[in-house]
Protein backbone atom coordinates (compact mmCIF):
# COMPACT_ATOMS: atom_id res chain seq x y z
CA UNK A 1 16.93 55.69 -5.38
CA UNK A 2 16.10 54.28 -1.95
CA UNK A 3 16.09 50.65 -3.09
CA UNK A 4 19.59 50.69 -4.49
CA UNK A 5 21.05 52.83 -1.73
CA UNK A 6 19.62 50.53 0.97
CA UNK A 7 22.00 47.72 0.02
CA UNK A 8 25.04 49.94 0.66
CA UNK A 9 25.53 49.00 4.31
CA UNK A 10 29.35 49.03 4.35
CA UNK A 11 32.05 50.94 2.45
CA UNK A 12 32.98 49.25 -0.82
CA UNK A 13 35.96 49.14 -3.11
CA UNK A 14 35.22 49.52 -6.82
CA UNK A 15 34.15 46.56 -8.95
CA UNK A 16 37.16 44.51 -9.95
CA UNK A 17 38.62 46.14 -13.09
CA UNK A 18 38.85 44.04 -16.24
CA UNK A 19 42.49 43.12 -17.01
CA UNK A 20 43.99 43.44 -20.47
CA UNK A 21 45.33 40.46 -22.44
CA UNK A 22 48.65 40.56 -20.58
CA UNK A 23 46.92 40.60 -17.19
CA UNK A 24 47.48 44.28 -16.37
CA UNK A 25 44.70 46.80 -15.73
CA UNK A 26 44.52 49.74 -18.12
CA UNK A 27 44.17 53.30 -16.84
CA UNK A 28 40.86 53.59 -18.72
CA UNK A 29 39.53 50.55 -16.87
CA UNK A 30 40.65 51.99 -13.52
CA UNK A 31 38.75 55.17 -14.29
CA UNK A 32 35.62 53.26 -15.30
CA UNK A 33 35.66 51.14 -12.14
CA UNK A 34 36.20 54.15 -9.87
CA UNK A 35 33.48 56.17 -11.61
CA UNK A 36 31.06 53.24 -11.49
CA UNK A 37 31.48 52.99 -7.72
CA UNK A 38 30.72 56.69 -7.24
CA UNK A 39 27.75 56.72 -9.64
CA UNK A 40 26.30 53.66 -7.91
CA UNK A 41 26.42 55.43 -4.55
CA UNK A 42 25.28 58.91 -5.61
CA UNK A 43 23.11 60.63 -8.18
CA UNK A 44 24.72 61.57 -11.48
CA UNK A 45 24.66 65.34 -10.85
CA UNK A 46 26.37 65.05 -7.44
CA UNK A 47 29.47 63.25 -8.79
CA UNK A 48 32.17 65.51 -10.23
CA UNK A 49 35.10 64.73 -12.51
CA UNK A 50 37.36 65.72 -9.60
CA UNK A 51 35.68 63.05 -7.45
CA UNK A 52 36.31 60.40 -10.06
CA UNK A 53 39.94 61.44 -10.54
CA UNK A 54 40.54 61.23 -6.78
CA UNK A 55 38.87 57.82 -6.55
CA UNK A 56 40.94 56.51 -9.48
CA UNK A 57 44.10 58.14 -8.07
CA UNK A 58 44.90 59.98 -11.29
CA UNK A 59 45.17 63.62 -12.38
CA UNK A 60 42.01 65.28 -13.64
CA UNK A 61 43.74 66.05 -16.94
CA UNK A 62 44.53 62.37 -17.41
CA UNK A 63 40.84 61.53 -17.13
CA UNK A 64 40.04 63.98 -19.94
CA UNK A 65 42.55 62.14 -22.14
CA UNK A 66 40.12 59.21 -22.10
CA UNK A 67 36.69 60.83 -21.72
CA UNK A 68 35.64 64.23 -23.02
CA UNK A 69 32.96 64.82 -20.38
CA UNK A 70 31.31 63.36 -17.32
CA UNK A 71 28.35 62.18 -19.40
CA UNK A 72 30.69 60.47 -21.89
CA UNK A 73 32.33 58.68 -18.97
CA UNK A 74 28.95 57.65 -17.56
CA UNK A 75 27.75 56.24 -20.87
CA UNK A 76 31.11 54.49 -21.37
CA UNK A 77 30.49 52.56 -18.14
CA UNK A 78 27.22 51.21 -19.55
CA UNK A 79 28.64 50.50 -23.00
CA UNK A 80 31.83 48.79 -21.78
CA UNK A 81 30.15 46.52 -19.26
CA UNK A 82 27.23 45.67 -21.57
CA UNK A 83 29.62 44.86 -24.42
CA UNK A 84 31.51 42.55 -22.08
CA UNK A 85 28.30 40.88 -20.89
CA UNK A 86 26.93 40.34 -24.40
CA UNK A 87 30.28 39.02 -25.64
CA UNK A 88 30.39 36.48 -22.80
CA UNK A 89 26.78 35.42 -23.44
CA UNK A 90 27.52 34.91 -27.13
CA UNK A 91 30.49 32.70 -26.14
CA UNK A 92 28.32 30.64 -23.78
CA UNK A 93 25.60 30.25 -26.40
CA UNK A 94 27.86 29.82 -29.44
CA UNK A 95 27.19 26.08 -29.47
CA UNK A 96 23.50 25.43 -29.74
CA UNK A 97 22.03 23.16 -27.07
CA UNK A 98 18.47 22.25 -26.21
CA UNK A 99 16.37 25.31 -25.18
CA UNK A 100 16.46 24.39 -21.48
CA UNK A 101 20.26 24.28 -21.41
CA UNK A 102 20.54 27.53 -23.39
CA UNK A 103 18.09 29.23 -21.03
CA UNK A 104 20.06 27.94 -18.06
CA UNK A 105 23.31 29.32 -19.49
CA UNK A 106 21.73 32.70 -20.22
CA UNK A 107 20.03 33.24 -16.85
CA UNK A 108 22.82 31.90 -14.64
CA UNK A 109 25.52 33.79 -16.51
CA UNK A 110 23.50 37.02 -16.38
CA UNK A 111 23.05 36.58 -12.62
CA UNK A 112 26.73 35.83 -12.04
CA UNK A 113 27.88 38.75 -14.18
CA UNK A 114 25.70 41.23 -12.28
CA UNK A 115 26.80 39.91 -8.89
CA UNK A 116 30.43 40.15 -10.01
CA UNK A 117 29.90 43.81 -11.00
CA UNK A 118 27.42 45.09 -8.39
CA UNK A 119 28.29 48.76 -8.94
CA UNK A 120 27.52 48.41 -12.63
CA UNK A 121 24.29 46.57 -11.81
CA UNK A 122 23.11 49.48 -9.66
CA UNK A 123 24.08 52.08 -12.28
CA UNK A 124 22.34 50.02 -14.99
CA UNK A 125 19.13 49.71 -12.97
CA UNK A 126 19.14 53.46 -12.35
CA UNK A 127 19.54 54.19 -16.06
CA UNK A 128 17.48 51.46 -17.71
CA UNK A 129 14.65 53.09 -19.65
CA UNK A 130 15.69 56.66 -18.82
CA UNK A 131 16.08 59.53 -21.26
CA UNK A 132 19.87 59.47 -20.96
CA UNK A 133 20.09 55.86 -22.12
CA UNK A 134 17.41 56.35 -24.76
CA UNK A 135 19.47 59.19 -26.27
CA UNK A 136 22.48 56.90 -26.59
CA UNK A 137 21.64 54.55 -29.46
CA UNK A 138 24.62 52.28 -28.80
CA UNK A 139 23.56 51.61 -25.23
CA UNK A 140 19.98 51.05 -26.36
CA UNK A 141 21.10 48.66 -29.11
CA UNK A 142 23.05 46.55 -26.61
CA UNK A 143 20.04 46.40 -24.30
CA UNK A 144 17.87 45.30 -27.22
CA UNK A 145 20.43 42.67 -28.23
CA UNK A 146 20.34 41.20 -24.73
CA UNK A 147 16.55 40.99 -24.88
CA UNK A 148 16.66 39.50 -28.41
CA UNK A 149 19.00 36.72 -27.25
CA UNK A 150 16.49 35.71 -24.58
CA UNK A 151 13.59 36.03 -27.05
CA UNK A 152 15.32 33.61 -29.43
CA UNK A 153 15.80 30.97 -26.74
CA UNK A 154 12.19 31.25 -25.56
CA UNK A 155 10.70 31.12 -29.06
CA UNK A 156 12.72 28.02 -29.92
CA UNK A 157 11.61 26.39 -26.67
CA UNK A 158 7.95 27.02 -27.47
CA UNK A 159 8.35 25.81 -31.07
CA UNK A 160 9.99 22.59 -29.89
CA UNK A 161 7.31 21.99 -27.27
CA UNK A 162 9.71 22.39 -24.34
CA UNK A 163 8.20 25.59 -22.90
CA UNK A 164 4.55 26.39 -22.40
CA UNK A 165 3.26 29.08 -24.80
CA UNK A 166 3.37 32.33 -22.81
CA UNK A 167 3.47 35.75 -24.59
CA UNK A 168 7.13 36.32 -25.40
CA UNK A 169 7.41 39.94 -24.21
CA UNK A 170 5.65 39.17 -20.94
CA UNK A 171 7.85 36.15 -20.28
CA UNK A 172 11.07 38.00 -21.13
CA UNK A 173 10.21 40.79 -18.70
CA UNK A 174 9.35 38.31 -15.95
CA UNK A 175 12.58 36.34 -16.36
CA UNK A 176 14.79 39.43 -16.37
CA UNK A 177 12.87 40.68 -13.33
CA UNK A 178 13.56 37.42 -11.50
CA UNK A 179 17.29 37.80 -12.16
CA UNK A 180 17.20 41.43 -10.98
CA UNK A 181 15.44 40.42 -7.77
CA UNK A 182 17.98 37.66 -7.15
CA UNK A 183 20.89 40.08 -7.63
CA UNK A 184 19.34 42.60 -5.19
CA UNK A 185 18.88 39.79 -2.67
CA UNK A 186 22.49 38.63 -3.13
CA UNK A 187 23.85 42.13 -2.57
CA UNK A 188 21.56 42.85 0.38
CA UNK A 189 22.47 39.60 2.16
CA UNK A 190 26.15 39.69 1.06
CA UNK A 191 25.93 36.06 -0.04
CA UNK A 192 29.20 34.14 -0.30
CA UNK A 193 30.35 32.64 -3.64
CA UNK A 194 29.13 29.22 -2.47
CA UNK A 195 25.74 30.66 -1.55
CA UNK A 196 25.57 32.46 -4.90
CA UNK A 197 26.23 29.17 -6.69
CA UNK A 198 23.33 27.56 -4.87
CA UNK A 199 21.17 30.65 -5.46
CA UNK A 200 21.73 30.61 -9.22
CA UNK A 201 20.79 26.92 -9.43
CA UNK A 202 17.63 27.54 -7.41
CA UNK A 203 16.67 30.44 -9.68
CA UNK A 204 16.85 28.19 -12.70
CA UNK A 205 14.95 25.35 -11.01
CA UNK A 206 12.19 27.81 -10.12
CA UNK A 207 12.00 29.16 -13.67
CA UNK A 208 11.96 25.71 -15.26
CA UNK A 209 9.18 24.54 -12.97
CA UNK A 210 6.94 27.33 -14.25
CA UNK A 211 8.05 27.22 -17.89
CA UNK A 212 8.13 23.55 -18.87
CA UNK A 213 5.28 22.43 -21.10
CA UNK A 214 2.92 20.15 -19.24
């Protein structure tokens, strides 16, 4: 995975763990964040449960209280982060706006989520479309739900005459690819939060310029 490894120029701490309702970080979340860091840096087969336990600063037996195997832990990373992403997107899109505004919310939030969780982004890009993810129906369903959300926005935009009529599957792939490229660029250049804000706005301006019906 030369492309993903090339952005690892300096040592990193794990992605910021998600706090619980009372603001604390659960042990499960600590394990997920530590494992995600290791799996983003190395291939799946080179990371051991012992490595994860050390990184999370817990006993190996404690890890097995939460995850029955290394593969279960790996898939839990994908499921947990994707569930969080989809939940946040549903919140942002819960009130229907015009297709341009909904597309803006979707693309910018996707970009910001992936730059907030860069270790997860790298793991996700490694796994997307692989046999391991295909075997896990829950992970596949969440991926399909993400794509369906974008499909819905694009179809409505075409129907309302806001977007030019481009084949839906082609356009969805192109838009998700643009976000991926922007995230890689952000990680490679270590862009500041202010630069990321500007970057996300420029991504949307670029997309709209090509999509708007003439």
